[in-house]
């Protein structure tokens, strides 16, 4: 190549090359900015779905939201707020709908349908848990992060969790991680590997309770109650303590989250074989107005749906009521003696 031409070409191509790099960088920045803005909008919009009165509409809407957020995760994989939003959506969808369909199928002796929804719930809970644990590693990767600390045993895991003390920052992630982990164990009770993880999920729940028991409508109390009550008594379950935790959540929220009542009935009343408590909690749920809390209309609608089904299963879950003892007939009063008349 002619040296003069080559020199001229370099002078022309250099600015073009720089412009190309600058354009690519600008495009990347623009994409990140747009993604960040969208994440903020979704986060502020999420409470709207909790006011839905139509559960079927919510069930159709949530997967689209999850798909949108998953797309954003491709762009911002280390965005802990976005990861939390996806985790929360997955946990809510798994419990509100997949487990509900699983239970309904079981009630109708549809084993195939029940297994289908059980697997879907497990997938949602597993991914929710992994996203939350991933957040912990992003915040504190010392020693390999969350997964590595768990492999060292429960003591190391509990010590690792003490590193998270900024309640405002970490409690939502800790809560949804513990919640989904606990639900995952619940729908995989036949899996010994899943059951072996329960102490780790419980340690996570205990950390949440220690940092902020009032989070999400005093949900940490109900979470701990669920973990204490789900396990059979012979394996360390503590239904009496679980009852205290549920009652703490119900009292603090003035009974406005009807799902607390329903889950206490399902877990605690059944474990204690307290038919009266079971029926009282479910009937209270069914008689309460759905908008007893306008910000929890959806969860209260879902609670009513469960309560109706659970109430119909009462005789399957409890021993038959003993008929009242026959009342002993009072002894017959002997007739009064006939009056005697003096003659």
C-alpha atoms as a PDB file:
ATOM      1  CA  UNK A   1       0.000   0.000   0.000  1.00  0.00           C
ATOM      2  CA  UNK A   2       1.191   3.514  -0.810  1.00  0.00           C
ATOM      3  CA  UNK A   3       2.636   4.926   2.448  1.00  0.00           C
ATOM      4  CA  UNK A   4       0.892   8.250   1.856  1.00  0.00           C
ATOM      5  CA  UNK A   5      -2.466   6.453   1.295  1.00  0.00           C
ATOM      6  CA  UNK A   6      -1.926   4.268   4.348  1.00  0.00           C
ATOM      7  CA  UNK A   7      -1.269   7.274   6.532  1.00  0.00           C
ATOM      8  CA  UNK A   8      -4.345   9.017   5.170  1.00  0.00           C
ATOM      9  CA  UNK A   9      -6.445   5.869   5.749  1.00  0.00           C
ATOM     10  CA  UNK A  10      -5.334   5.666   9.370  1.00  0.00           C
ATOM     11  CA  UNK A  11      -6.324   9.267   9.926  1.00  0.00           C
ATOM     12  CA  UNK A  12      -9.779   8.595   8.455  1.00  0.00           C
ATOM     13  CA  UNK A  13     -10.411   5.180  10.085  1.00  0.00           C
ATOM     14  CA  UNK A  14      -9.217   6.130  13.561  1.00  0.00           C
ATOM     15  CA  UNK A  15     -12.092   8.556  14.239  1.00  0.00           C
ATOM     16  CA  UNK A  16     -14.560   6.065  12.715  1.00  0.00           C
ATOM     17  CA  UNK A  17     -13.289   3.276  14.951  1.00  0.00           C
ATOM     18  CA  UNK A  18     -13.506   5.505  17.989  1.00  0.00           C
ATOM     19  CA  UNK A  19     -17.015   6.550  16.968  1.00  0.00           C
ATOM     20  CA  UNK A  20     -18.005   2.874  16.704  1.00  0.00           C
ATOM     21  CA  UNK A  21     -16.726   2.120  20.199  1.00  0.00           C
ATOM     22  CA  UNK A  22     -18.378   5.246  21.537  1.00  0.00           C
ATOM     23  CA  UNK A  23     -21.668   4.258  19.874  1.00  0.00           C
ATOM     24  CA  UNK A  24     -21.516   0.758  21.337  1.00  0.00           C
ATOM     25  CA  UNK A  25     -20.753   2.154  24.781  1.00  0.00           C
ATOM     26  CA  UNK A  26     -23.542   4.689  24.439  1.00  0.00           C
ATOM     27  CA  UNK A  27     -25.986   2.007  23.317  1.00  0.00           C
ATOM     28  CA  UNK A  28     -24.999  -0.169  26.267  1.00  0.00           C
ATOM     29  CA  UNK A  29     -25.452   2.740  28.669  1.00  0.00           C
ATOM     30  CA  UNK A  30     -28.813   3.590  27.140  1.00  0.00           C
ATOM     31  CA  UNK A  31     -29.959  -0.031  27.514  1.00  0.00           C
ATOM     32  CA  UNK A  32     -28.811  -0.133  31.133  1.00  0.00           C
ATOM     33  CA  UNK A  33     -30.541   3.175  31.849  1.00  0.00           C
ATOM     34  CA  UNK A  34     -33.770   1.981  30.251  1.00  0.00           C
ATOM     35  CA  UNK A  35     -33.602  -1.314  32.140  1.00  0.00           C
ATOM     36  CA  UNK A  36     -32.963   0.477  35.426  1.00  0.00           C
ATOM     37  CA  UNK A  37     -35.911   2.788  34.813  1.00  0.00           C
ATOM     38  CA  UNK A  38     -38.176  -0.160  33.986  1.00  0.00           C
ATOM     39  CA  UNK A  39     -37.128  -1.980  37.153  1.00  0.00           C
ATOM     40  CA  UNK A  40     -38.110   1.071  39.182  1.00  0.00           C
ATOM     41  CA  UNK A  41     -41.497   1.301  37.480  1.00  0.00           C
ATOM     42  CA  UNK A  42     -42.271  -2.390  38.019  1.00  0.00           C
ATOM     43  CA  UNK A  43     -41.307  -2.134  41.666  1.00  0.00           C
ATOM     44  CA  UNK A  44     -43.672   0.784  42.237  1.00  0.00           C
ATOM     45  CA  UNK A  45     -46.472  -0.847  40.220  1.00  0.00           C
ATOM     46  CA  UNK A  46     -46.415  -4.245  41.958  1.00  0.00           C
ATOM     47  CA  UNK A  47     -48.756  -3.242  44.848  1.00  0.00           C
ATOM     48  CA  UNK A  48     -51.534  -2.736  42.285  1.00  0.00           C
ATOM     49  CA  UNK A  49     -51.847  -6.470  41.704  1.00  0.00           C
ATOM     50  CA  UNK A  50     -52.344  -7.019  45.433  1.00  0.00           C
ATOM     51  CA  UNK A  51     -55.580  -5.031  45.143  1.00  0.00           C
ATOM     52  CA  UNK A  52     -57.044  -7.309  42.450  1.00  0.00           C
ATOM     53  CA  UNK A  53     -60.431  -8.717  43.385  1.00  0.00           C
ATOM     54  CA  UNK A  54     -60.293 -11.298  40.582  1.00  0.00           C
ATOM     55  CA  UNK A  55     -57.767 -14.066  41.386  1.00  0.00           C
ATOM     56  CA  UNK A  56     -57.999 -15.508  37.870  1.00  0.00           C
ATOM     57  CA  UNK A  57     -56.972 -12.190  36.355  1.00  0.00           C
ATOM     58  CA  UNK A  58     -54.034 -11.992  38.746  1.00  0.00           C
ATOM     59  CA  UNK A  59     -52.994 -15.542  37.896  1.00  0.00           C
ATOM     60  CA  UNK A  60     -52.869 -14.613  34.210  1.00  0.00           C
ATOM     61  CA  UNK A  61     -51.012 -11.350  34.835  1.00  0.00           C
ATOM     62  CA  UNK A  62     -48.207 -12.476  37.147  1.00  0.00           C
ATOM     63  CA  UNK A  63     -46.409 -14.799  34.664  1.00  0.00           C
ATOM     64  CA  UNK A  64     -46.163 -11.938  32.159  1.00  0.00           C
ATOM     65  CA  UNK A  65     -44.576  -9.771  34.845  1.00  0.00           C
ATOM     66  CA  UNK A  66     -42.112 -12.532  35.690  1.00  0.00           C
ATOM     67  CA  UNK A  67     -41.199 -12.944  32.011  1.00  0.00           C
ATOM     68  CA  UNK A  68     -40.600  -9.198  31.683  1.00  0.00           C
ATOM     69  CA  UNK A  69     -38.386  -9.140  34.765  1.00  0.00           C
ATOM     70  CA  UNK A  70     -36.473 -12.200  33.541  1.00  0.00           C
ATOM     71  CA  UNK A  71     -35.698 -10.285  30.360  1.00  0.00           C
ATOM     72  CA  UNK A  72     -34.363  -7.412  32.431  1.00  0.00           C
ATOM     73  CA  UNK A  73     -32.229  -9.853  34.430  1.00  0.00           C
ATOM     74  CA  UNK A  74     -30.414 -10.723  31.215  1.00  0.00           C
ATOM     75  CA  UNK A  75     -29.313  -7.092  31.093  1.00  0.00           C
ATOM     76  CA  UNK A  76     -28.816  -6.537  34.830  1.00  0.00           C
ATOM     77  CA  UNK A  77     -27.949  -9.969  36.312  1.00  0.00           C
ATOM     78  CA  UNK A  78     -26.393  -8.481  39.451  1.00  0.00           C
ATOM     79  CA  UNK A  79     -29.206  -6.046  40.229  1.00  0.00           C
ATOM     80  CA  UNK A  80     -30.182  -7.215  43.721  1.00  0.00           C
ATOM     81  CA  UNK A  81     -33.445  -5.229  43.726  1.00  0.00           C
ATOM     82  CA  UNK A  82     -34.522  -6.822  40.453  1.00  0.00           C
ATOM     83  CA  UNK A  83     -33.528 -10.271  41.672  1.00  0.00           C
ATOM     84  CA  UNK A  84     -35.625  -9.691  44.797  1.00  0.00           C
ATOM     85  CA  UNK A  85     -38.626  -8.630  42.699  1.00  0.00           C
ATOM     86  CA  UNK A  86     -38.433 -11.801  40.617  1.00  0.00           C
ATOM     87  CA  UNK A  87     -38.056 -13.908  43.768  1.00  0.00           C
ATOM     88  CA  UNK A  88     -41.079 -12.291  45.400  1.00  0.00           C
ATOM     89  CA  UNK A  89     -43.201 -12.752  42.279  1.00  0.00           C
ATOM     90  CA  UNK A  90     -42.209 -16.423  42.022  1.00  0.00           C
ATOM     91  CA  UNK A  91     -42.923 -17.042  45.704  1.00  0.00           C
ATOM     92  CA  UNK A  92     -46.312 -15.325  45.528  1.00  0.00           C
ATOM     93  CA  UNK A  93     -47.274 -17.167  42.348  1.00  0.00           C
ATOM     94  CA  UNK A  94     -46.170 -20.539  43.718  1.00  0.00           C
ATOM     95  CA  UNK A  95     -48.160 -20.225  46.927  1.00  0.00           C
ATOM     96  CA  UNK A  96     -51.153 -18.264  45.684  1.00  0.00           C
ATOM     97  CA  UNK A  97     -51.869 -20.386  42.640  1.00  0.00           C
ATOM     98  CA  UNK A  98     -49.687 -23.460  42.051  1.00  0.00           C
ATOM     99  CA  UNK A  99     -50.081 -24.849  45.576  1.00  0.00           C
ATOM    100  CA  UNK A 100     -53.747 -23.908  45.560  1.00  0.00           C
ATOM    101  CA  UNK A 101     -54.318 -25.889  42.355  1.00  0.00           C
ATOM    102  CA  UNK A 102     -52.241 -28.744  43.768  1.00  0.00           C
ATOM    103  CA  UNK A 103     -54.455 -28.945  46.867  1.00  0.00           C
ATOM    104  CA  UNK A 104     -57.658 -28.655  44.847  1.00  0.00           C
ATOM    105  CA  UNK A 105     -56.540 -31.516  42.610  1.00  0.00           C
ATOM    106  CA  UNK A 106     -55.754 -33.647  45.661  1.00  0.00           C
ATOM    107  CA  UNK A 107     -59.197 -32.918  47.084  1.00  0.00           C
ATOM    108  CA  UNK A 108     -60.669 -34.234  43.816  1.00  0.00           C
ATOM    109  CA  UNK A 109     -58.482 -37.370  43.859  1.00  0.00           C
ATOM    110  CA  UNK A 110     -56.630 -36.097  40.782  1.00  0.00           C
ATOM    111  CA  UNK A 111     -53.145 -37.393  41.543  1.00  0.00           C
ATOM    112  CA  UNK A 112     -51.781 -36.540  38.102  1.00  0.00           C
ATOM    113  CA  UNK A 113     -53.004 -32.956  38.272  1.00  0.00           C
ATOM    114  CA  UNK A 114     -51.754 -32.572  41.823  1.00  0.00           C
ATOM    115  CA  UNK A 115     -48.280 -33.768  40.858  1.00  0.00           C
ATOM    116  CA  UNK A 116     -48.212 -31.404  37.893  1.00  0.00           C
ATOM    117  CA  UNK A 117     -48.869 -28.368  40.059  1.00  0.00           C
ATOM    118  CA  UNK A 118     -46.589 -29.625  42.832  1.00  0.00           C
ATOM    119  CA  UNK A 119     -43.697 -29.683  40.381  1.00  0.00           C
ATOM    120  CA  UNK A 120     -44.520 -26.194  39.136  1.00  0.00           C
ATOM    121  CA  UNK A 121     -44.667 -24.878  42.706  1.00  0.00           C
ATOM    122  CA  UNK A 122     -41.323 -26.533  43.480  1.00  0.00           C
ATOM    123  CA  UNK A 123     -39.716 -24.904  40.430  1.00  0.00           C
ATOM    124  CA  UNK A 124     -41.009 -21.467  41.450  1.00  0.00           C
ATOM    125  CA  UNK A 125     -39.865 -21.871  45.058  1.00  0.00           C
ATOM    126  CA  UNK A 126     -36.481 -23.285  44.095  1.00  0.00           C
ATOM    127  CA  UNK A 127     -35.694 -20.411  41.797  1.00  0.00           C
ATOM    128  CA  UNK A 128     -36.944 -17.857  44.326  1.00  0.00           C
ATOM    129  CA  UNK A 129     -34.637 -19.355  46.960  1.00  0.00           C
ATOM    130  CA  UNK A 130     -31.658 -19.377  44.596  1.00  0.00           C
ATOM    131  CA  UNK A 131     -32.169 -15.739  43.623  1.00  0.00           C
ATOM    132  CA  UNK A 132     -32.287 -14.724  47.283  1.00  0.00           C
ATOM    133  CA  UNK A 133     -29.203 -16.729  48.203  1.00  0.00           C
ATOM    134  CA  UNK A 134     -27.464 -15.232  45.182  1.00  0.00           C
ATOM    135  CA  UNK A 135     -28.174 -11.778  46.598  1.00  0.00           C
ATOM    136  CA  UNK A 136     -26.458 -12.744  49.833  1.00  0.00           C
ATOM    137  CA  UNK A 137     -23.392 -13.820  47.903  1.00  0.00           C
ATOM    138  CA  UNK A 138     -23.384 -10.579  45.901  1.00  0.00           C
ATOM    139  CA  UNK A 139     -23.426  -8.630  49.172  1.00  0.00           C
ATOM    140  CA  UNK A 140     -21.020 -10.842  51.124  1.00  0.00           C
ATOM    141  CA  UNK A 141     -18.867 -13.247  49.127  1.00  0.00           C
ATOM    142  CA  UNK A 142     -16.298 -13.925  51.834  1.00  0.00           C
ATOM    143  CA  UNK A 143     -15.431 -17.620  51.946  1.00  0.00           C
ATOM    144  CA  UNK A 144     -17.312 -18.330  48.740  1.00  0.00           C
ATOM    145  CA  UNK A 145     -20.637 -16.774  49.660  1.00  0.00           C
ATOM    146  CA  UNK A 146     -23.919 -18.357  50.740  1.00  0.00           C
ATOM    147  CA  UNK A 147     -23.621 -21.745  49.068  1.00  0.00           C
ATOM    148  CA  UNK A 148     -20.085 -22.314  50.343  1.00  0.00           C
ATOM    149  CA  UNK A 149     -21.064 -21.383  53.899  1.00  0.00           C
ATOM    150  CA  UNK A 150     -23.970 -23.832  53.867  1.00  0.00           C
ATOM    151  CA  UNK A 151     -21.653 -26.637  52.828  1.00  0.00           C
ATOM    152  CA  UNK A 152     -19.627 -25.975  55.976  1.00  0.00           C
ATOM    153  CA  UNK A 153     -22.603 -26.836  58.163  1.00  0.00           C
ATOM    154  CA  UNK A 154     -25.382 -25.156  60.128  1.00  0.00           C
ATOM    155  CA  UNK A 155     -23.068 -23.396  62.585  1.00  0.00           C
ATOM    156  CA  UNK A 156     -21.091 -21.743  59.772  1.00  0.00           C
ATOM    157  CA  UNK A 157     -24.317 -20.805  57.991  1.00  0.00           C
ATOM    158  CA  UNK A 158     -25.772 -19.204  61.121  1.00  0.00           C
ATOM    159  CA  UNK A 159     -22.559 -17.267  61.688  1.00  0.00           C
ATOM    160  CA  UNK A 160     -22.555 -16.102  58.069  1.00  0.00           C
ATOM    161  CA  UNK A 161     -26.093 -14.739  58.435  1.00  0.00           C
ATOM    162  CA  UNK A 162     -24.951 -12.515  61.307  1.00  0.00           C
ATOM    163  CA  UNK A 163     -22.979 -10.484  58.764  1.00  0.00           C
ATOM    164  CA  UNK A 164     -26.276  -9.156  57.423  1.00  0.00           C
ATOM    165  CA  UNK A 165     -27.365  -6.465  59.870  1.00  0.00           C
ATOM    166  CA  UNK A 166     -28.687  -3.652  57.667  1.00  0.00           C
ATOM    167  CA  UNK A 167     -32.366  -4.493  58.150  1.00  0.00           C
ATOM    168  CA  UNK A 168     -33.740  -2.070  55.565  1.00  0.00           C
ATOM    169  CA  UNK A 169     -31.450  -3.460  52.906  1.00  0.00           C
ATOM    170  CA  UNK A 170     -31.428  -7.191  53.586  1.00  0.00           C
ATOM    171  CA  UNK A 171     -34.672  -8.188  55.330  1.00  0.00           C
ATOM    172  CA  UNK A 172     -36.804  -8.465  52.153  1.00  0.00           C
ATOM    173  CA  UNK A 173     -34.252 -10.790  50.541  1.00  0.00           C
ATOM    174  CA  UNK A 174     -33.827 -12.833  53.729  1.00  0.00           C
ATOM    175  CA  UNK A 175     -37.578 -13.132  54.151  1.00  0.00           C
ATOM    176  CA  UNK A 176     -38.408 -14.273  50.631  1.00  0.00           C
ATOM    177  CA  UNK A 177     -35.442 -16.615  50.640  1.00  0.00           C
ATOM    178  CA  UNK A 178     -36.610 -18.257  53.881  1.00  0.00           C
ATOM    179  CA  UNK A 179     -40.243 -18.270  52.793  1.00  0.00           C
ATOM    180  CA  UNK A 180     -39.619 -19.941  49.443  1.00  0.00           C
ATOM    181  CA  UNK A 181     -37.117 -22.348  50.959  1.00  0.00           C
ATOM    182  CA  UNK A 182     -39.673 -23.404  53.559  1.00  0.00           C
ATOM    183  CA  UNK A 183     -42.393 -23.815  50.919  1.00  0.00           C
ATOM    184  CA  UNK A 184     -39.967 -25.794  48.760  1.00  0.00           C
ATOM    185  CA  UNK A 185     -39.420 -28.228  51.609  1.00  0.00           C
ATOM    186  CA  UNK A 186     -43.168 -28.364  52.168  1.00  0.00           C
ATOM    187  CA  UNK A 187     -43.955 -29.513  48.626  1.00  0.00           C
ATOM    188  CA  UNK A 188     -41.032 -31.962  48.635  1.00  0.00           C
ATOM    189  CA  UNK A 189     -41.674 -33.760  51.915  1.00  0.00           C
ATOM    190  CA  UNK A 190     -40.782 -37.122  50.411  1.00  0.00           C
ATOM    191  CA  UNK A 191     -37.324 -35.856  49.464  1.00  0.00           C
ATOM    192  CA  UNK A 192     -34.881 -36.391  52.323  1.00  0.00           C
ATOM    193  CA  UNK A 193     -32.408 -33.932  50.779  1.00  0.00           C
ATOM    194  CA  UNK A 194     -35.056 -31.214  50.873  1.00  0.00           C
ATOM    195  CA  UNK A 195     -35.991 -32.055  54.469  1.00  0.00           C
ATOM    196  CA  UNK A 196     -32.323 -31.898  55.459  1.00  0.00           C
ATOM    197  CA  UNK A 197     -32.284 -28.241  54.410  1.00  0.00           C
ATOM    198  CA  UNK A 198     -35.080 -27.239  56.799  1.00  0.00           C
ATOM    199  CA  UNK A 199     -32.723 -26.137  59.624  1.00  0.00           C
ATOM    200  CA  UNK A 200     -30.967 -23.800  57.172  1.00  0.00           C
ATOM    201  CA  UNK A 201     -34.264 -22.256  56.079  1.00  0.00           C
ATOM    202  CA  UNK A 202     -35.255 -21.914  59.743  1.00  0.00           C
ATOM    203  CA  UNK A 203     -31.983 -20.136  60.549  1.00  0.00           C
ATOM    204  CA  UNK A 204     -32.737 -17.683  57.749  1.00  0.00           C
ATOM    205  CA  UNK A 205     -36.248 -17.122  59.130  1.00  0.00           C
ATOM    206  CA  UNK A 206     -34.867 -16.581  62.641  1.00  0.00           C
ATOM    207  CA  UNK A 207     -32.495 -13.930  61.285  1.00  0.00           C
ATOM    208  CA  UNK A 208     -35.405 -12.100  59.649  1.00  0.00           C
ATOM    209  CA  UNK A 209     -37.409 -12.198  62.871  1.00  0.00           C
ATOM    210  CA  UNK A 210     -34.454 -10.817  64.815  1.00  0.00           C
ATOM    211  CA  UNK A 211     -33.907  -7.943  62.374  1.00  0.00           C
ATOM    212  CA  UNK A 212     -37.490  -6.835  61.664  1.00  0.00           C
ATOM    213  CA  UNK A 213     -40.512  -8.788  62.934  1.00  0.00           C
ATOM    214  CA  UNK A 214     -42.882  -6.191  61.431  1.00  0.00           C
ATOM    215  CA  UNK A 215     -41.796  -6.709  57.799  1.00  0.00           C
ATOM    216  CA  UNK A 216     -44.592  -7.213  55.260  1.00  0.00           C
ATOM    217  CA  UNK A 217     -47.402  -7.101  57.799  1.00  0.00           C
ATOM    218  CA  UNK A 218     -45.618  -9.048  60.555  1.00  0.00           C
ATOM    219  CA  UNK A 219     -45.036 -11.913  58.146  1.00  0.00           C
ATOM    220  CA  UNK A 220     -41.819 -13.105  59.894  1.00  0.00           C
ATOM    221  CA  UNK A 221     -43.926 -14.363  62.821  1.00  0.00           C
ATOM    222  CA  UNK A 222     -46.221 -16.324  60.512  1.00  0.00           C
ATOM    223  CA  UNK A 223     -43.196 -17.612  58.597  1.00  0.00           C
ATOM    224  CA  UNK A 224     -41.636 -18.964  61.774  1.00  0.00           C
ATOM    225  CA  UNK A 225     -44.985 -20.396  62.831  1.00  0.00           C
ATOM    226  CA  UNK A 226     -45.272 -22.216  59.537  1.00  0.00           C
ATOM    227  CA  UNK A 227     -41.794 -23.687  59.867  1.00  0.00           C
ATOM    228  CA  UNK A 228     -42.399 -24.776  63.466  1.00  0.00           C
ATOM    229  CA  UNK A 229     -45.788 -26.289  62.745  1.00  0.00           C
ATOM    230  CA  UNK A 230     -45.252 -27.993  59.417  1.00  0.00           C
ATOM    231  CA  UNK A 231     -42.813 -30.575  60.764  1.00  0.00           C
ATOM    232  CA  UNK A 232     -44.471 -33.553  62.507  1.00  0.00           C
ATOM    233  CA  UNK A 233     -44.104 -33.514  66.297  1.00  0.00           C
ATOM    234  CA  UNK A 234     -41.972 -36.663  66.206  1.00  0.00           C
ATOM    235  CA  UNK A 235     -39.458 -34.815  64.001  1.00  0.00           C
ATOM    236  CA  UNK A 236     -39.317 -31.729  66.203  1.00  0.00           C
ATOM    237  CA  UNK A 237     -42.487 -29.897  65.208  1.00  0.00           C
ATOM    238  CA  UNK A 238     -43.810 -27.467  67.828  1.00  0.00           C
ATOM    239  CA  UNK A 239     -47.469 -26.657  67.075  1.00  0.00           C
ATOM    240  CA  UNK A 240     -48.043 -24.866  70.392  1.00  0.00           C
ATOM    241  CA  UNK A 241     -45.173 -22.460  69.698  1.00  0.00           C
ATOM    242  CA  UNK A 242     -46.353 -22.152  66.100  1.00  0.00           C
ATOM    243  CA  UNK A 243     -49.780 -21.062  67.359  1.00  0.00           C
ATOM    244  CA  UNK A 244     -48.185 -18.245  69.363  1.00  0.00           C
ATOM    245  CA  UNK A 245     -46.356 -16.996  66.264  1.00  0.00           C
ATOM    246  CA  UNK A 246     -49.502 -16.992  64.117  1.00  0.00           C
ATOM    247  CA  UNK A 247     -51.462 -15.257  66.843  1.00  0.00           C
ATOM    248  CA  UNK A 248     -48.744 -12.588  67.009  1.00  0.00           C
ATOM    249  CA  UNK A 249     -49.167 -11.861  63.283  1.00  0.00           C
ATOM    250  CA  UNK A 250     -52.970 -11.899  63.503  1.00  0.00           C
ATOM    251  CA  UNK A 251     -53.040  -9.622  66.533  1.00  0.00           C
ATOM    252  CA  UNK A 252     -50.537  -7.130  65.112  1.00  0.00           C
ATOM    253  CA  UNK A 253     -52.504  -6.830  61.852  1.00  0.00           C
ATOM    254  CA  UNK A 254     -55.933  -6.814  63.567  1.00  0.00           C
ATOM    255  CA  UNK A 255     -56.956  -9.909  61.625  1.00  0.00           C
ATOM    256  CA  UNK A 256     -56.933  -8.083  58.299  1.00  0.00           C
ATOM    257  CA  UNK A 257     -54.700 -10.612  56.543  1.00  0.00           C
ATOM    258  CA  UNK A 258     -57.104 -13.537  56.342  1.00  0.00           C
ATOM    259  CA  UNK A 259     -54.425 -15.879  55.050  1.00  0.00           C
ATOM    260  CA  UNK A 260     -52.834 -15.932  58.502  1.00  0.00           C
ATOM    261  CA  UNK A 261     -56.058 -17.380  59.904  1.00  0.00           C
ATOM    262  CA  UNK A 262     -56.323 -19.964  57.146  1.00  0.00           C
ATOM    263  CA  UNK A 263     -52.737 -21.187  57.492  1.00  0.00           C
ATOM    264  CA  UNK A 264     -53.040 -21.358  61.269  1.00  0.00           C
ATOM    265  CA  UNK A 265     -56.088 -23.561  60.775  1.00  0.00           C
ATOM    266  CA  UNK A 266     -54.323 -25.727  58.199  1.00  0.00           C
ATOM    267  CA  UNK A 267     -51.107 -26.181  60.168  1.00  0.00           C
ATOM    268  CA  UNK A 268     -51.723 -25.584  63.864  1.00  0.00           C
ATOM    269  CA  UNK A 269     -55.332 -26.598  64.435  1.00  0.00           C
ATOM    270  CA  UNK A 270     -54.859 -29.834  62.499  1.00  0.00           C
ATOM    271  CA  UNK A 271     -51.617 -30.665  64.328  1.00  0.00           C
ATOM    272  CA  UNK A 272     -53.306 -30.044  67.689  1.00  0.00           C
ATOM    273  CA  UNK A 273     -56.466 -31.823  66.530  1.00  0.00           C
ATOM    274  CA  UNK A 274     -58.455 -28.793  67.676  1.00  0.00           C
ATOM    275  CA  UNK A 275     -61.620 -28.962  65.595  1.00  0.00           C
ATOM    276  CA  UNK A 276     -63.182 -25.969  67.328  1.00  0.00           C
ATOM    277  CA  UNK A 277     -60.206 -23.718  66.575  1.00  0.00           C
ATOM    278  CA  UNK A 278     -60.096 -24.985  62.985  1.00  0.00           C
ATOM    279  CA  UNK A 279     -63.729 -24.176  62.303  1.00  0.00           C
ATOM    280  CA  UNK A 280     -63.574 -20.846  64.119  1.00  0.00           C
ATOM    281  CA  UNK A 281     -60.613 -19.610  62.061  1.00  0.00           C
ATOM    282  CA  UNK A 282     -62.109 -20.716  58.737  1.00  0.00           C
ATOM    283  CA  UNK A 283     -65.602 -19.392  59.452  1.00  0.00           C
ATOM    284  CA  UNK A 284     -64.126 -16.065  60.544  1.00  0.00           C
ATOM    285  CA  UNK A 285     -62.264 -15.927  57.229  1.00  0.00           C
ATOM    286  CA  UNK A 286     -65.382 -16.664  55.190  1.00  0.00           C
ATOM    287  CA  UNK A 287     -67.516 -14.106  57.021  1.00  0.00           C
ATOM    288  CA  UNK A 288     -64.961 -11.256  56.826  1.00  0.00           C
ATOM    289  CA  UNK A 289     -65.313  -8.673  54.037  1.00  0.00           C
ATOM    290  CA  UNK A 290     -62.743  -9.239  51.301  1.00  0.00           C
ATOM    291  CA  UNK A 291     -61.719  -5.578  51.412  1.00  0.00           C
ATOM    292  CA  UNK A 292     -61.144  -5.590  55.155  1.00  0.00           C
ATOM    293  CA  UNK A 293     -57.744  -4.267  54.020  1.00  0.00           C
ATOM    294  CA  UNK A 294     -57.927  -2.604  50.563  1.00  0.00           C
ATOM    295  CA  UNK A 295     -54.235  -3.313  49.999  1.00  0.00           C
ATOM    296  CA  UNK A 296     -54.674  -7.062  50.511  1.00  0.00           C
ATOM    297  CA  UNK A 297     -57.795  -7.841  48.520  1.00  0.00           C
ATOM    298  CA  UNK A 298     -56.100 -10.488  46.384  1.00  0.00           C
ATOM    299  CA  UNK A 299     -54.564 -12.436  49.271  1.00  0.00           C
ATOM    300  CA  UNK A 300     -57.878 -12.289  51.138  1.00  0.00           C
ATOM    301  CA  UNK A 301     -59.743 -13.629  48.115  1.00  0.00           C
ATOM    302  CA  UNK A 302     -57.248 -16.481  47.906  1.00  0.00           C
ATOM    303  CA  UNK A 303     -57.657 -17.088  51.641  1.00  0.00           C
ATOM    304  CA  UNK A 304     -61.418 -17.381  51.251  1.00  0.00           C
ATOM    305  CA  UNK A 305     -60.999 -19.872  48.424  1.00  0.00           C
ATOM    306  CA  UNK A 306     -58.792 -22.044  50.613  1.00  0.00           C
ATOM    307  CA  UNK A 307     -61.028 -21.642  53.675  1.00  0.00           C
ATOM    308  CA  UNK A 308     -64.057 -22.934  51.810  1.00  0.00           C
ATOM    309  CA  UNK A 309     -62.152 -26.012  50.655  1.00  0.00           C
ATOM    310  CA  UNK A 310     -60.586 -26.690  54.048  1.00  0.00           C
ATOM    311  CA  UNK A 311     -63.909 -26.381  55.844  1.00  0.00           C
ATOM    312  CA  UNK A 312     -65.379 -29.037  53.563  1.00  0.00           C
ATOM    313  CA  UNK A 313     -62.531 -31.356  54.608  1.00  0.00           C
ATOM    314  CA  UNK A 314     -63.141 -31.029  58.357  1.00  0.00           C
ATOM    315  CA  UNK A 315     -64.404 -34.578  58.899  1.00  0.00           C
ATOM    316  CA  UNK A 316     -61.447 -35.985  56.954  1.00  0.00           C
ATOM    317  CA  UNK A 317     -58.917 -34.189  59.151  1.00  0.00           C
ATOM    318  CA  UNK A 318     -60.400 -34.659  62.608  1.00  0.00           C
ATOM    319  CA  UNK A 319     -61.656 -37.572  64.610  1.00  0.00           C
ATOM    320  CA  UNK A 320     -65.453 -37.763  64.723  1.00  0.00           C
ATOM    321  CA  UNK A 321     -67.016 -35.641  67.389  1.00  0.00           C
ATOM    322  CA  UNK A 322     -68.298 -37.672  70.274  1.00  0.00           C
ATOM    323  CA  UNK A 323     -72.034 -37.324  70.697  1.00  0.00           C
ATOM    324  CA  UNK A 324     -73.009 -35.560  73.893  1.00  0.00           C
ATOM    325  CA  UNK A 325     -73.602 -37.900  76.764  1.00  0.00           C
ATOM    326  CA  UNK A 326     -77.248 -38.762  77.168  1.00  0.00           C
ATOM    327  CA  UNK A 327     -78.757 -36.691  79.918  1.00  0.00           C
ATOM    328  CA  UNK A 328     -79.785 -38.733  82.927  1.00  0.00           C
ATOM    329  CA  UNK A 329     -83.515 -38.552  83.356  1.00  0.00           C
ATOM    330  CA  UNK A 330     -84.435 -37.013  86.707  1.00  0.00           C
ATOM    331  CA  UNK A 331     -85.837 -39.410  89.219  1.00  0.00           C
ATOM    332  CA  UNK A 332     -89.588 -39.473  89.200  1.00  0.00           C
ATOM    333  CA  UNK A 333     -91.047 -37.481  92.011  1.00  0.00           C
ATOM    334  CA  UNK A 334     -93.208 -39.701  94.105  1.00  0.00           C
ATOM    335  CA  UNK A 335     -96.775 -38.569  94.289  1.00  0.00           C
ATOM    336  CA  UNK A 336     -97.645 -36.530  97.288  1.00  0.00           C
ATOM    337  CA  UNK A 337     -99.498 -38.493  99.859  1.00  0.00           C
ATOM    338  CA  UNK A 338    -103.197 -37.977  99.851  1.00  0.00           C
ATOM    339  CA  UNK A 339    -104.276 -35.551 102.485  1.00  0.00           C
ATOM    340  CA  UNK A 340    -105.765 -37.103 105.515  1.00  0.00           C
ATOM    341  CA  UNK A 341    -108.942 -35.666 106.989  1.00  0.00           C
ATOM    342  CA  UNK A 342    -109.698 -35.731 110.594  1.00  0.00           C
ATOM    343  CA  UNK A 343    -112.889 -37.420 111.445  1.00  0.00           C
END
